[in-house]
C-alpha atoms as a PDB file:
ATOM      1  CA  MET A   1     -82.189 -80.660  20.853  1.00  0.00           C
ATOM      2  CA  LYS A   2     -82.613 -83.968  19.080  1.00  0.00           C
ATOM      3  CA  THR A   3     -81.391 -84.511  15.549  1.00  0.00           C
ATOM      4  CA  VAL A   4     -83.637 -85.673  12.717  1.00  0.00           C
ATOM      5  CA  ASP A   5     -81.946 -89.092  12.820  1.00  0.00           C
ATOM      6  CA  GLU A   6     -82.724 -89.437  16.534  1.00  0.00           C
ATOM      7  CA  ILE A   7     -86.355 -88.455  15.975  1.00  0.00           C
ATOM      8  CA  ILE A   8     -86.708 -90.963  13.120  1.00  0.00           C
ATOM      9  CA  ALA A   9     -85.102 -93.732  15.204  1.00  0.00           C
ATOM     10  CA  PHE A  10     -87.534 -93.003  18.048  1.00  0.00           C
ATOM     11  CA  THR A  11     -90.496 -92.976  15.661  1.00  0.00           C
ATOM     12  CA  LEU A  12     -89.446 -96.268  14.034  1.00  0.00           C
ATOM     13  CA  GLN A  13     -89.119 -97.896  17.443  1.00  0.00           C
ATOM     14  CA  LYS A  14     -92.710 -96.876  18.294  1.00  0.00           C
ATOM     15  CA  LEU A  15     -94.086 -97.967  14.909  1.00  0.00           C
ATOM     16  CA  LYS A  16     -92.383-101.376  15.017  1.00  0.00           C
ATOM     17  CA  LYS A  17     -94.394-102.128  18.157  1.00  0.00           C
ATOM     18  CA  ILE A  18     -97.522-101.737  16.023  1.00  0.00           C
ATOM     19  CA  ASP A  19     -96.371-103.566  12.870  1.00  0.00           C
ATOM     20  CA  SER A  20     -92.873-104.595  11.802  1.00  0.00           C
ATOM     21  CA  LYS A  21     -93.778-104.882   8.096  1.00  0.00           C
ATOM     22  CA  PHE A  22     -93.516-101.344   6.812  1.00  0.00           C
ATOM     23  CA  GLU A  23     -91.036 -98.991   5.227  1.00  0.00           C
ATOM     24  CA  VAL A  24     -90.379 -95.360   5.982  1.00  0.00           C
ATOM     25  CA  ILE A  25     -88.726 -92.846   3.674  1.00  0.00           C
ATOM     26  CA  TYR A  26     -87.895 -89.439   5.069  1.00  0.00           C
ATOM     27  CA  PHE A  27     -86.456 -86.218   3.769  1.00  0.00           C
ATOM     28  CA  ASP A  28     -84.441 -84.015   6.104  1.00  0.00           C
ATOM     29  CA  LEU A  29     -85.763 -80.467   5.634  1.00  0.00           C
ATOM     30  CA  THR A  30     -83.741 -78.934   8.458  1.00  0.00           C
ATOM     31  CA  ARG A  31     -82.267 -75.546   7.617  1.00  0.00           C
ATOM     32  CA  GLU A  32     -78.788 -74.975   8.985  1.00  0.00           C
ATOM     33  CA  SER A  33     -79.618 -71.344   9.727  1.00  0.00           C
ATOM     34  CA  THR A  34     -82.394 -72.260  12.212  1.00  0.00           C
ATOM     35  CA  GLU A  35     -81.165 -75.702  13.331  1.00  0.00           C
ATOM     36  CA  ILE A  36     -84.785 -76.712  13.986  1.00  0.00           C
ATOM     37  CA  PRO A  37     -85.315 -80.365  12.998  1.00  0.00           C
ATOM     38  CA  ALA A  38     -87.882 -80.688  10.207  1.00  0.00           C
ATOM     39  CA  MET A  39     -88.723 -83.619   7.969  1.00  0.00           C
ATOM     40  CA  LYS A  40     -91.211 -85.037   5.503  1.00  0.00           C
ATOM     41  CA  VAL A  41     -92.072 -88.678   6.114  1.00  0.00           C
ATOM     42  CA  LEU A  42     -93.608 -91.181   3.683  1.00  0.00           C
ATOM     43  CA  MET A  43     -94.879 -94.571   4.922  1.00  0.00           C
ATOM     44  CA  THR A  44     -96.145 -97.700   3.225  1.00  0.00           C
ATOM     45  CA  LEU A  45     -99.838 -98.576   3.088  1.00  0.00           C
ATOM     46  CA  ALA A  46     -99.723-100.844   6.161  1.00  0.00           C
ATOM     47  CA  VAL A  47     -99.170 -97.891   8.482  1.00  0.00           C
ATOM     48  CA  GLN A  48    -101.379 -95.457   6.585  1.00  0.00           C
ATOM     49  CA  THR A  49    -104.457 -97.656   7.038  1.00  0.00           C
ATOM     50  CA  LEU A  50    -104.228 -97.865  10.831  1.00  0.00           C
ATOM     51  CA  ALA A  51    -107.420 -96.858  12.610  1.00  0.00           C
ATOM     52  CA  PHE A  52    -105.642 -94.324  14.818  1.00  0.00           C
ATOM     53  CA  THR A  53    -103.250 -91.443  14.377  1.00  0.00           C
ATOM     54  CA  VAL A  54     -99.561 -91.934  15.130  1.00  0.00           C
ATOM     55  CA  THR A  55     -98.180 -88.772  16.697  1.00  0.00           C
ATOM     56  CA  VAL A  56     -94.629 -88.297  17.914  1.00  0.00           C
ATOM     57  CA  VAL A  57     -93.881 -85.169  19.885  1.00  0.00           C
ATOM     58  CA  ASN A  58     -90.316 -84.088  20.424  1.00  0.00           C
END
């Protein structure tokens, strides 16, 4: 199972191919009891206004 940090690194790599001028803030919501990676991600306007949906599946 991937960690939240690994998922974020993978996501950032994909997003930088689209536009390198953005910032991402994320909150690790993973519960130790379940060990299922969960997060809330906030992005700057540059990514939010893209004409397509960015989906990352783990």
